[in-house]
N, C-alpha and C. Protein backbone atom coordinates (compact mmCIF):
# COMPACT_ATOMS: atom_id res chain seq x y z
N MET A 1 -50.76 -23.93 -14.81
CA MET A 1 -50.41 -22.52 -14.88
C MET A 1 -49.46 -22.26 -16.04
N VAL A 2 -48.46 -23.15 -16.25
CA VAL A 2 -47.50 -22.97 -17.33
C VAL A 2 -48.20 -23.05 -18.67
N GLY A 3 -49.14 -23.95 -18.83
CA GLY A 3 -49.84 -24.12 -20.09
C GLY A 3 -50.68 -22.92 -20.44
N ARG A 4 -51.19 -22.18 -19.48
CA ARG A 4 -52.06 -21.05 -19.75
C ARG A 4 -51.30 -19.79 -20.16
N HIS A 5 -50.08 -19.60 -19.68
CA HIS A 5 -49.33 -18.36 -19.93
C HIS A 5 -47.88 -18.66 -20.34
N PRO A 6 -47.69 -19.30 -21.50
CA PRO A 6 -46.32 -19.68 -21.89
C PRO A 6 -45.40 -18.47 -22.12
N VAL A 7 -45.91 -17.37 -22.63
CA VAL A 7 -45.06 -16.20 -22.88
C VAL A 7 -44.59 -15.62 -21.55
N ALA A 8 -45.49 -15.52 -20.58
CA ALA A 8 -45.11 -14.99 -19.26
C ALA A 8 -44.06 -15.87 -18.62
N PHE A 9 -44.20 -17.18 -18.78
CA PHE A 9 -43.24 -18.10 -18.21
C PHE A 9 -41.86 -17.92 -18.85
N VAL A 10 -41.80 -17.81 -20.17
CA VAL A 10 -40.53 -17.62 -20.87
C VAL A 10 -39.89 -16.30 -20.46
N VAL A 11 -40.67 -15.24 -20.33
CA VAL A 11 -40.14 -13.94 -19.91
C VAL A 11 -39.60 -14.04 -18.49
N ALA A 12 -40.32 -14.70 -17.60
CA ALA A 12 -39.88 -14.84 -16.22
C ALA A 12 -38.57 -15.62 -16.14
N VAL A 13 -38.46 -16.69 -16.91
CA VAL A 13 -37.23 -17.48 -16.92
C VAL A 13 -36.08 -16.63 -17.47
N GLY A 14 -36.33 -15.85 -18.50
CA GLY A 14 -35.30 -14.98 -19.08
C GLY A 14 -34.82 -13.94 -18.10
N VAL A 15 -35.74 -13.32 -17.38
CA VAL A 15 -35.39 -12.31 -16.37
C VAL A 15 -34.57 -12.96 -15.26
N LEU A 16 -34.98 -14.14 -14.82
CA LEU A 16 -34.24 -14.85 -13.79
C LEU A 16 -32.83 -15.20 -14.27
N ALA A 17 -32.69 -15.67 -15.49
CA ALA A 17 -31.37 -16.02 -16.04
C ALA A 17 -30.48 -14.78 -16.13
N LEU A 18 -31.03 -13.66 -16.57
CA LEU A 18 -30.27 -12.42 -16.66
C LEU A 18 -29.81 -11.97 -15.27
N THR A 19 -30.70 -12.03 -14.31
CA THR A 19 -30.36 -11.64 -12.94
C THR A 19 -29.26 -12.52 -12.37
N LEU A 20 -29.38 -13.83 -12.57
CA LEU A 20 -28.35 -14.75 -12.09
C LEU A 20 -27.03 -14.53 -12.80
N GLY A 21 -27.07 -14.24 -14.09
CA GLY A 21 -25.84 -13.98 -14.85
C GLY A 21 -25.13 -12.74 -14.34
N LEU A 22 -25.88 -11.67 -14.10
CA LEU A 22 -25.28 -10.45 -13.58
C LEU A 22 -24.72 -10.66 -12.19
N ALA A 23 -25.44 -11.39 -11.36
CA ALA A 23 -24.96 -11.66 -10.00
C ALA A 23 -23.69 -12.50 -10.05
N SER A 24 -23.63 -13.48 -10.94
CA SER A 24 -22.43 -14.30 -11.07
C SER A 24 -21.24 -13.46 -11.54
N ALA A 25 -21.47 -12.59 -12.49
CA ALA A 25 -20.39 -11.74 -12.99
C ALA A 25 -19.87 -10.86 -11.85
N TRP A 26 -20.76 -10.34 -11.05
CA TRP A 26 -20.36 -9.50 -9.92
C TRP A 26 -19.52 -10.31 -8.92
N LEU A 27 -19.97 -11.51 -8.60
CA LEU A 27 -19.26 -12.34 -7.64
C LEU A 27 -17.92 -12.81 -8.17
N LEU A 28 -17.82 -13.04 -9.48
CA LEU A 28 -16.58 -13.54 -10.05
C LEU A 28 -15.59 -12.43 -10.39
N SER A 29 -16.05 -11.18 -10.45
CA SER A 29 -15.11 -10.10 -10.73
C SER A 29 -14.18 -9.93 -9.54
N SER A 30 -13.02 -9.34 -9.79
CA SER A 30 -12.04 -9.22 -8.71
C SER A 30 -12.54 -8.29 -7.62
N ARG A 31 -12.11 -8.61 -6.41
CA ARG A 31 -12.48 -7.78 -5.27
C ARG A 31 -11.95 -6.36 -5.44
N GLU A 32 -10.73 -6.23 -6.00
CA GLU A 32 -10.15 -4.91 -6.20
C GLU A 32 -10.97 -4.09 -7.20
N GLN A 33 -11.43 -4.75 -8.28
CA GLN A 33 -12.23 -4.04 -9.27
C GLN A 33 -13.54 -3.59 -8.66
N ARG A 34 -14.19 -4.44 -7.86
CA ARG A 34 -15.44 -4.03 -7.21
C ARG A 34 -15.19 -2.85 -6.29
N ALA A 35 -14.08 -2.89 -5.52
CA ALA A 35 -13.77 -1.79 -4.61
C ALA A 35 -13.50 -0.51 -5.39
N THR A 36 -12.79 -0.62 -6.52
CA THR A 36 -12.50 0.53 -7.35
C THR A 36 -13.78 1.17 -7.87
N LEU A 37 -14.67 0.34 -8.40
CA LEU A 37 -15.90 0.88 -8.97
C LEU A 37 -16.81 1.42 -7.88
N ALA A 38 -16.85 0.76 -6.71
CA ALA A 38 -17.69 1.24 -5.62
C ALA A 38 -17.17 2.58 -5.11
N ALA A 39 -15.86 2.79 -5.15
CA ALA A 39 -15.27 4.04 -4.68
C ALA A 39 -15.38 5.15 -5.73
N GLY A 40 -15.88 4.83 -6.91
CA GLY A 40 -16.02 5.83 -7.95
C GLY A 40 -14.78 5.98 -8.80
N GLY A 41 -13.82 5.06 -8.67
CA GLY A 41 -12.58 5.15 -9.42
C GLY A 41 -12.77 4.86 -10.90
N LEU A 42 -11.77 5.24 -11.67
CA LEU A 42 -11.80 4.91 -13.09
C LEU A 42 -11.70 3.40 -13.23
N PRO A 43 -12.44 2.81 -14.14
CA PRO A 43 -12.34 1.35 -14.31
C PRO A 43 -11.01 0.97 -14.93
N PRO A 44 -10.51 -0.22 -14.60
CA PRO A 44 -9.27 -0.68 -15.23
C PRO A 44 -9.40 -0.63 -16.75
N GLY A 45 -8.34 -0.15 -17.40
CA GLY A 45 -8.33 -0.04 -18.85
C GLY A 45 -8.71 1.34 -19.36
N ALA A 46 -9.21 2.21 -18.48
CA ALA A 46 -9.58 3.57 -18.91
C ALA A 46 -8.31 4.35 -19.27
N ALA A 47 -8.45 5.26 -20.21
CA ALA A 47 -7.31 6.09 -20.62
C ALA A 47 -6.98 7.10 -19.52
N ARG A 48 -5.69 7.36 -19.36
CA ARG A 48 -5.23 8.31 -18.36
C ARG A 48 -5.67 9.72 -18.74
N PRO A 49 -6.38 10.41 -17.83
CA PRO A 49 -6.72 11.81 -18.10
C PRO A 49 -5.48 12.71 -18.07
N ASP A 50 -5.49 13.76 -18.85
CA ASP A 50 -4.38 14.72 -18.88
C ASP A 50 -4.55 15.77 -17.79
N PHE A 51 -3.44 16.31 -17.34
CA PHE A 51 -3.42 17.47 -16.46
C PHE A 51 -2.04 18.09 -16.54
N THR A 52 -1.94 19.33 -16.16
CA THR A 52 -0.66 20.04 -16.03
C THR A 52 -0.73 20.81 -14.73
N LEU A 53 0.28 20.60 -13.88
CA LEU A 53 0.35 21.27 -12.59
C LEU A 53 1.78 21.74 -12.35
N PRO A 54 1.96 22.77 -11.52
CA PRO A 54 3.33 23.21 -11.20
C PRO A 54 3.99 22.27 -10.20
N ASP A 55 5.33 22.17 -10.32
CA ASP A 55 6.07 21.43 -9.31
C ASP A 55 6.47 22.39 -8.18
N VAL A 56 7.24 21.91 -7.22
CA VAL A 56 7.59 22.75 -6.07
C VAL A 56 8.49 23.92 -6.45
N GLN A 57 9.15 23.84 -7.62
CA GLN A 57 9.96 24.96 -8.11
C GLN A 57 9.13 25.93 -8.97
N GLY A 58 7.86 25.61 -9.20
CA GLY A 58 7.00 26.48 -9.98
C GLY A 58 6.96 26.18 -11.47
N HIS A 59 7.65 25.14 -11.93
CA HIS A 59 7.64 24.77 -13.34
C HIS A 59 6.40 23.93 -13.65
N LEU A 60 5.71 24.25 -14.74
CA LEU A 60 4.54 23.47 -15.14
C LEU A 60 4.98 22.11 -15.67
N ARG A 61 4.31 21.06 -15.19
CA ARG A 61 4.66 19.68 -15.57
C ARG A 61 3.41 18.96 -16.05
N PRO A 62 3.34 18.64 -17.35
CA PRO A 62 2.20 17.86 -17.85
C PRO A 62 2.40 16.38 -17.51
N VAL A 63 1.32 15.68 -17.24
CA VAL A 63 1.42 14.25 -16.95
C VAL A 63 1.97 13.49 -18.16
N SER A 64 1.78 14.02 -19.34
CA SER A 64 2.29 13.37 -20.55
C SER A 64 3.82 13.30 -20.56
N GLU A 65 4.48 14.06 -19.70
CA GLU A 65 5.93 14.02 -19.58
C GLU A 65 6.42 12.60 -19.25
N TRP A 66 5.57 11.81 -18.60
CA TRP A 66 5.95 10.48 -18.18
C TRP A 66 5.31 9.39 -19.03
N ASP A 67 4.81 9.74 -20.21
CA ASP A 67 4.27 8.72 -21.12
C ASP A 67 5.33 7.67 -21.40
N GLY A 68 4.90 6.41 -21.49
CA GLY A 68 5.81 5.32 -21.74
C GLY A 68 6.38 4.69 -20.49
N LYS A 69 6.11 5.29 -19.34
CA LYS A 69 6.56 4.73 -18.06
C LYS A 69 5.37 4.15 -17.32
N VAL A 70 5.65 3.30 -16.36
CA VAL A 70 4.62 2.88 -15.41
C VAL A 70 4.51 4.03 -14.44
N LEU A 71 3.33 4.56 -14.30
CA LEU A 71 3.13 5.79 -13.52
C LEU A 71 2.29 5.50 -12.29
N LEU A 72 2.80 5.88 -11.13
CA LEU A 72 2.05 5.80 -9.89
C LEU A 72 1.80 7.24 -9.46
N VAL A 73 0.54 7.66 -9.51
CA VAL A 73 0.15 9.02 -9.13
C VAL A 73 -0.52 8.95 -7.77
N ASN A 74 0.01 9.73 -6.83
CA ASN A 74 -0.54 9.73 -5.48
C ASN A 74 -0.97 11.13 -5.10
N PHE A 75 -2.27 11.29 -4.84
CA PHE A 75 -2.83 12.55 -4.38
C PHE A 75 -2.75 12.54 -2.85
N TRP A 76 -2.18 13.60 -2.26
CA TRP A 76 -1.92 13.61 -0.83
C TRP A 76 -1.91 15.04 -0.31
N ALA A 77 -1.75 15.18 0.99
CA ALA A 77 -1.60 16.49 1.63
C ALA A 77 -0.76 16.33 2.89
N THR A 78 -0.08 17.39 3.27
CA THR A 78 0.79 17.34 4.45
C THR A 78 0.01 17.13 5.74
N TRP A 79 -1.24 17.56 5.76
CA TRP A 79 -2.07 17.47 6.98
C TRP A 79 -2.79 16.12 7.09
N CYS A 80 -2.51 15.19 6.18
CA CYS A 80 -3.18 13.90 6.11
C CYS A 80 -2.26 12.80 6.66
N PRO A 81 -2.52 12.30 7.89
CA PRO A 81 -1.63 11.27 8.47
C PRO A 81 -1.45 10.02 7.60
N PRO A 82 -2.51 9.43 7.01
CA PRO A 82 -2.27 8.26 6.15
C PRO A 82 -1.40 8.60 4.94
N CYS A 83 -1.54 9.80 4.42
CA CYS A 83 -0.72 10.23 3.29
C CYS A 83 0.75 10.24 3.68
N ARG A 84 1.03 10.78 4.84
CA ARG A 84 2.42 10.87 5.30
C ARG A 84 3.02 9.49 5.57
N ARG A 85 2.17 8.55 6.02
CA ARG A 85 2.66 7.18 6.26
C ARG A 85 3.03 6.48 4.96
N GLU A 86 2.37 6.84 3.85
CA GLU A 86 2.66 6.20 2.56
C GLU A 86 3.96 6.68 1.93
N ILE A 87 4.37 7.89 2.22
CA ILE A 87 5.53 8.51 1.54
C ILE A 87 6.78 7.63 1.58
N PRO A 88 7.18 7.06 2.72
CA PRO A 88 8.38 6.22 2.70
C PRO A 88 8.27 5.03 1.74
N HIS A 89 7.08 4.48 1.59
CA HIS A 89 6.88 3.36 0.66
C HIS A 89 7.05 3.82 -0.79
N PHE A 90 6.55 5.01 -1.11
CA PHE A 90 6.69 5.54 -2.46
C PHE A 90 8.17 5.87 -2.75
N ILE A 91 8.88 6.39 -1.75
CA ILE A 91 10.31 6.66 -1.91
C ILE A 91 11.04 5.35 -2.23
N GLU A 92 10.71 4.30 -1.49
CA GLU A 92 11.35 3.00 -1.69
C GLU A 92 11.02 2.43 -3.08
N LEU A 93 9.75 2.52 -3.50
CA LEU A 93 9.38 2.03 -4.83
C LEU A 93 10.13 2.77 -5.93
N GLN A 94 10.22 4.10 -5.80
CA GLN A 94 10.93 4.89 -6.81
C GLN A 94 12.40 4.51 -6.86
N ALA A 95 13.01 4.32 -5.70
CA ALA A 95 14.43 3.93 -5.66
C ALA A 95 14.63 2.53 -6.25
N ARG A 96 13.74 1.61 -5.95
CA ARG A 96 13.89 0.23 -6.38
C ARG A 96 13.60 0.04 -7.87
N TYR A 97 12.57 0.73 -8.39
CA TYR A 97 12.10 0.45 -9.75
C TYR A 97 12.23 1.62 -10.73
N GLY A 98 12.74 2.74 -10.29
CA GLY A 98 12.85 3.90 -11.19
C GLY A 98 13.67 3.62 -12.43
N ASP A 99 14.77 2.89 -12.27
CA ASP A 99 15.61 2.60 -13.43
C ASP A 99 15.00 1.55 -14.35
N ARG A 100 13.91 0.91 -13.91
CA ARG A 100 13.21 -0.08 -14.75
C ARG A 100 11.95 0.51 -15.39
N GLY A 101 11.70 1.81 -15.16
CA GLY A 101 10.59 2.45 -15.84
C GLY A 101 9.43 2.89 -14.97
N LEU A 102 9.57 2.82 -13.65
CA LEU A 102 8.51 3.33 -12.77
C LEU A 102 8.74 4.80 -12.50
N GLN A 103 7.66 5.57 -12.52
CA GLN A 103 7.74 6.97 -12.10
C GLN A 103 6.63 7.24 -11.11
N VAL A 104 7.02 7.54 -9.89
CA VAL A 104 6.06 7.99 -8.87
C VAL A 104 5.92 9.49 -9.02
N VAL A 105 4.69 9.99 -8.95
CA VAL A 105 4.43 11.43 -8.97
C VAL A 105 3.46 11.72 -7.84
N GLY A 106 3.88 12.58 -6.93
CA GLY A 106 3.01 13.00 -5.84
C GLY A 106 2.32 14.30 -6.21
N ILE A 107 1.03 14.37 -5.95
CA ILE A 107 0.28 15.60 -6.20
C ILE A 107 -0.24 16.08 -4.85
N ALA A 108 0.40 17.13 -4.36
CA ALA A 108 0.06 17.66 -3.04
C ALA A 108 -1.06 18.68 -3.17
N ILE A 109 -2.12 18.41 -2.45
CA ILE A 109 -3.22 19.37 -2.38
C ILE A 109 -2.92 20.23 -1.15
N ASP A 110 -2.01 21.18 -1.41
CA ASP A 110 -1.38 21.91 -0.32
C ASP A 110 -0.73 23.16 -0.87
N ASP A 111 -0.18 23.99 0.02
CA ASP A 111 0.54 25.16 -0.46
C ASP A 111 1.99 24.77 -0.75
N PRO A 112 2.66 25.49 -1.65
CA PRO A 112 4.01 25.11 -2.08
C PRO A 112 5.04 25.05 -0.96
N GLU A 113 5.02 25.99 -0.03
CA GLU A 113 6.02 26.02 1.02
C GLU A 113 5.92 24.80 1.93
N THR A 114 4.71 24.47 2.36
CA THR A 114 4.51 23.34 3.27
C THR A 114 4.86 22.03 2.59
N ALA A 115 4.38 21.83 1.36
CA ALA A 115 4.66 20.59 0.63
C ALA A 115 6.15 20.48 0.31
N GLY A 116 6.76 21.57 -0.10
CA GLY A 116 8.20 21.57 -0.40
C GLY A 116 9.04 21.26 0.82
N ALA A 117 8.66 21.82 1.96
CA ALA A 117 9.40 21.56 3.20
C ALA A 117 9.29 20.09 3.59
N LEU A 118 8.11 19.51 3.48
CA LEU A 118 7.94 18.09 3.81
C LEU A 118 8.72 17.22 2.83
N ALA A 119 8.69 17.56 1.56
CA ALA A 119 9.43 16.79 0.55
C ALA A 119 10.92 16.82 0.87
N ALA A 120 11.45 17.96 1.24
CA ALA A 120 12.87 18.07 1.57
C ALA A 120 13.21 17.31 2.84
N SER A 121 12.36 17.42 3.85
CA SER A 121 12.68 16.79 5.14
C SER A 121 12.54 15.27 5.12
N THR A 122 11.74 14.74 4.21
CA THR A 122 11.54 13.29 4.15
C THR A 122 12.38 12.64 3.05
N GLY A 123 13.06 13.44 2.25
CA GLY A 123 13.91 12.88 1.19
C GLY A 123 13.13 12.33 0.02
N ILE A 124 12.00 12.94 -0.30
CA ILE A 124 11.20 12.47 -1.44
C ILE A 124 12.06 12.52 -2.71
N ASN A 125 12.12 11.41 -3.42
CA ASN A 125 12.96 11.25 -4.60
C ASN A 125 12.17 11.20 -5.91
N TYR A 126 10.97 11.75 -5.88
CA TYR A 126 10.11 11.77 -7.05
C TYR A 126 9.47 13.15 -7.15
N PRO A 127 8.97 13.52 -8.33
CA PRO A 127 8.39 14.86 -8.49
C PRO A 127 7.16 15.06 -7.62
N ILE A 128 7.09 16.25 -7.05
CA ILE A 128 5.91 16.68 -6.30
C ILE A 128 5.28 17.83 -7.08
N LEU A 129 4.04 17.62 -7.50
CA LEU A 129 3.28 18.66 -8.16
C LEU A 129 2.32 19.24 -7.14
N LEU A 130 1.87 20.47 -7.39
CA LEU A 130 1.08 21.18 -6.39
C LEU A 130 -0.19 21.75 -6.98
N GLY A 131 -1.11 21.98 -6.11
CA GLY A 131 -2.32 22.67 -6.51
C GLY A 131 -3.36 22.53 -5.43
N GLU A 132 -4.29 23.40 -5.49
CA GLU A 132 -5.42 23.27 -4.59
C GLU A 132 -6.61 22.89 -5.45
N ALA A 133 -7.34 23.85 -5.99
CA ALA A 133 -8.52 23.54 -6.81
C ALA A 133 -8.13 22.73 -8.05
N GLU A 134 -6.99 23.06 -8.68
CA GLU A 134 -6.56 22.35 -9.88
C GLU A 134 -6.20 20.90 -9.57
N ALA A 135 -5.54 20.68 -8.44
CA ALA A 135 -5.17 19.32 -8.05
C ALA A 135 -6.40 18.51 -7.66
N ILE A 136 -7.34 19.16 -7.00
CA ILE A 136 -8.59 18.47 -6.65
C ILE A 136 -9.33 18.09 -7.93
N ASP A 137 -9.36 18.99 -8.90
CA ASP A 137 -10.00 18.69 -10.19
C ASP A 137 -9.33 17.50 -10.87
N ALA A 138 -8.00 17.45 -10.85
CA ALA A 138 -7.29 16.31 -11.45
C ALA A 138 -7.65 15.03 -10.71
N SER A 139 -7.73 15.09 -9.39
CA SER A 139 -8.09 13.92 -8.59
C SER A 139 -9.48 13.40 -8.97
N VAL A 140 -10.42 14.31 -9.14
CA VAL A 140 -11.78 13.93 -9.53
C VAL A 140 -11.78 13.31 -10.92
N ARG A 141 -11.02 13.88 -11.87
CA ARG A 141 -10.94 13.31 -13.22
C ARG A 141 -10.31 11.93 -13.22
N TYR A 142 -9.50 11.65 -12.20
CA TYR A 142 -8.90 10.33 -12.05
C TYR A 142 -9.79 9.39 -11.26
N GLY A 143 -11.02 9.82 -10.97
CA GLY A 143 -12.00 8.93 -10.37
C GLY A 143 -12.26 9.12 -8.90
N ASN A 144 -11.64 10.10 -8.26
CA ASN A 144 -11.81 10.31 -6.83
C ASN A 144 -13.05 11.17 -6.58
N ALA A 145 -14.22 10.56 -6.75
CA ALA A 145 -15.48 11.29 -6.63
C ALA A 145 -15.69 11.86 -5.23
N GLN A 146 -15.16 11.17 -4.21
CA GLN A 146 -15.32 11.63 -2.83
C GLN A 146 -14.38 12.78 -2.49
N GLY A 147 -13.30 12.91 -3.23
CA GLY A 147 -12.32 13.95 -2.93
C GLY A 147 -11.52 13.67 -1.68
N ALA A 148 -11.50 12.42 -1.23
CA ALA A 148 -10.78 12.05 -0.02
C ALA A 148 -9.32 11.74 -0.34
N LEU A 149 -8.50 11.76 0.70
CA LEU A 149 -7.08 11.48 0.57
C LEU A 149 -6.67 10.42 1.57
N PRO A 150 -5.62 9.68 1.25
CA PRO A 150 -4.87 9.65 0.00
C PRO A 150 -5.63 8.90 -1.08
N TYR A 151 -5.23 9.17 -2.32
CA TYR A 151 -5.83 8.53 -3.48
C TYR A 151 -4.71 8.20 -4.45
N THR A 152 -4.60 6.94 -4.83
CA THR A 152 -3.49 6.47 -5.65
C THR A 152 -4.01 5.84 -6.93
N VAL A 153 -3.32 6.14 -8.03
CA VAL A 153 -3.66 5.60 -9.34
C VAL A 153 -2.39 5.00 -9.94
N VAL A 154 -2.50 3.79 -10.48
CA VAL A 154 -1.39 3.16 -11.20
C VAL A 154 -1.79 3.08 -12.67
N ILE A 155 -0.87 3.52 -13.53
CA ILE A 155 -1.11 3.58 -14.97
C ILE A 155 0.00 2.81 -15.66
N ASP A 156 -0.36 1.97 -16.64
CA ASP A 156 0.65 1.18 -17.34
C ASP A 156 1.36 2.02 -18.40
N ARG A 157 2.33 1.42 -19.06
CA ARG A 157 3.15 2.12 -20.04
C ARG A 157 2.35 2.64 -21.24
N SER A 158 1.20 2.03 -21.51
CA SER A 158 0.38 2.47 -22.64
C SER A 158 -0.61 3.56 -22.25
N GLY A 159 -0.55 4.03 -21.00
CA GLY A 159 -1.44 5.11 -20.56
C GLY A 159 -2.80 4.65 -20.09
N ARG A 160 -2.92 3.39 -19.73
CA ARG A 160 -4.19 2.83 -19.27
C ARG A 160 -4.17 2.64 -17.76
N VAL A 161 -5.28 2.96 -17.13
CA VAL A 161 -5.42 2.81 -15.68
C VAL A 161 -5.43 1.32 -15.34
N VAL A 162 -4.61 0.96 -14.36
CA VAL A 162 -4.54 -0.41 -13.88
C VAL A 162 -5.26 -0.51 -12.53
N LEU A 163 -5.13 0.52 -11.70
CA LEU A 163 -5.70 0.50 -10.36
C LEU A 163 -5.98 1.91 -9.89
N THR A 164 -7.10 2.10 -9.22
CA THR A 164 -7.34 3.30 -8.43
C THR A 164 -7.63 2.82 -7.01
N HIS A 165 -7.10 3.55 -6.04
CA HIS A 165 -7.26 3.13 -4.65
C HIS A 165 -7.48 4.34 -3.76
N LEU A 166 -8.60 4.34 -3.07
CA LEU A 166 -8.91 5.40 -2.11
C LEU A 166 -8.50 4.93 -0.73
N GLY A 167 -7.70 5.74 -0.04
CA GLY A 167 -7.24 5.38 1.30
C GLY A 167 -5.79 4.91 1.26
N GLU A 168 -5.26 4.65 2.43
CA GLU A 168 -3.87 4.19 2.54
C GLU A 168 -3.73 2.83 1.87
N ILE A 169 -2.70 2.71 1.07
CA ILE A 169 -2.49 1.46 0.32
C ILE A 169 -1.30 0.72 0.91
N LYS A 170 -1.42 -0.57 1.00
CA LYS A 170 -0.35 -1.39 1.57
C LYS A 170 0.81 -1.51 0.58
N PRO A 171 2.04 -1.41 1.09
CA PRO A 171 3.21 -1.48 0.20
C PRO A 171 3.28 -2.78 -0.59
N GLN A 172 2.86 -3.90 0.01
CA GLN A 172 2.91 -5.19 -0.68
C GLN A 172 2.00 -5.18 -1.90
N VAL A 173 0.86 -4.52 -1.80
CA VAL A 173 -0.09 -4.45 -2.92
C VAL A 173 0.57 -3.72 -4.09
N LEU A 174 1.20 -2.60 -3.81
CA LEU A 174 1.85 -1.84 -4.87
C LEU A 174 3.01 -2.61 -5.48
N ASP A 175 3.83 -3.22 -4.65
CA ASP A 175 4.97 -3.96 -5.15
C ASP A 175 4.52 -5.09 -6.07
N THR A 176 3.52 -5.84 -5.63
CA THR A 176 2.99 -6.96 -6.42
C THR A 176 2.38 -6.46 -7.72
N LEU A 177 1.74 -5.32 -7.70
CA LEU A 177 1.09 -4.78 -8.88
C LEU A 177 2.10 -4.18 -9.86
N VAL A 178 3.08 -3.46 -9.36
CA VAL A 178 4.02 -2.74 -10.22
C VAL A 178 5.00 -3.67 -10.92
N GLN A 179 5.52 -4.66 -10.22
CA GLN A 179 6.57 -5.51 -10.80
C GLN A 179 6.24 -6.07 -12.19
N PRO A 180 5.04 -6.67 -12.40
CA PRO A 180 4.77 -7.21 -13.72
C PRO A 180 4.59 -6.15 -14.81
N LEU A 181 4.35 -4.91 -14.43
CA LEU A 181 4.16 -3.84 -15.42
C LEU A 181 5.47 -3.29 -15.95
N LEU A 182 6.56 -3.57 -15.26
CA LEU A 182 7.86 -2.97 -15.63
C LEU A 182 8.51 -3.68 -16.82
């Protein structure tokens, strides 16, 4: 059979080698990267998308305000229980690493009064930006295709995405990820 159809055999072997190579690359890639891409997140190394949203005082704040810092952007809402559980961890990260160049920014997909009241009552020590449709649009541009909450993005000092995470994120994961970036 091989002697009769050498071109078909070479093509079949090439297709098999390509398939095995792609499968190996998939298996060897990091679990976090596979989860990020499966969730529709921006791939690691992608440039940070721009946005401008108002803070709880009504002042417009462009994301470029924090260029040069390690940026942790968390999309959340007051009505989201996992979002509320993450807030103390973000407060702790900001307190621990803020002077070393970390900036946590919360983007509340909520109304200003409710988000501001929660920020005050929980002692949030980082900027809270607000929006409904505009904040959802920013979340989608940051890779949150599902529009689900919470959604967290970590960006390095050069403005490149390091991680996107859909759902509640464990504090140890963030701590381990942020420390080497500072």
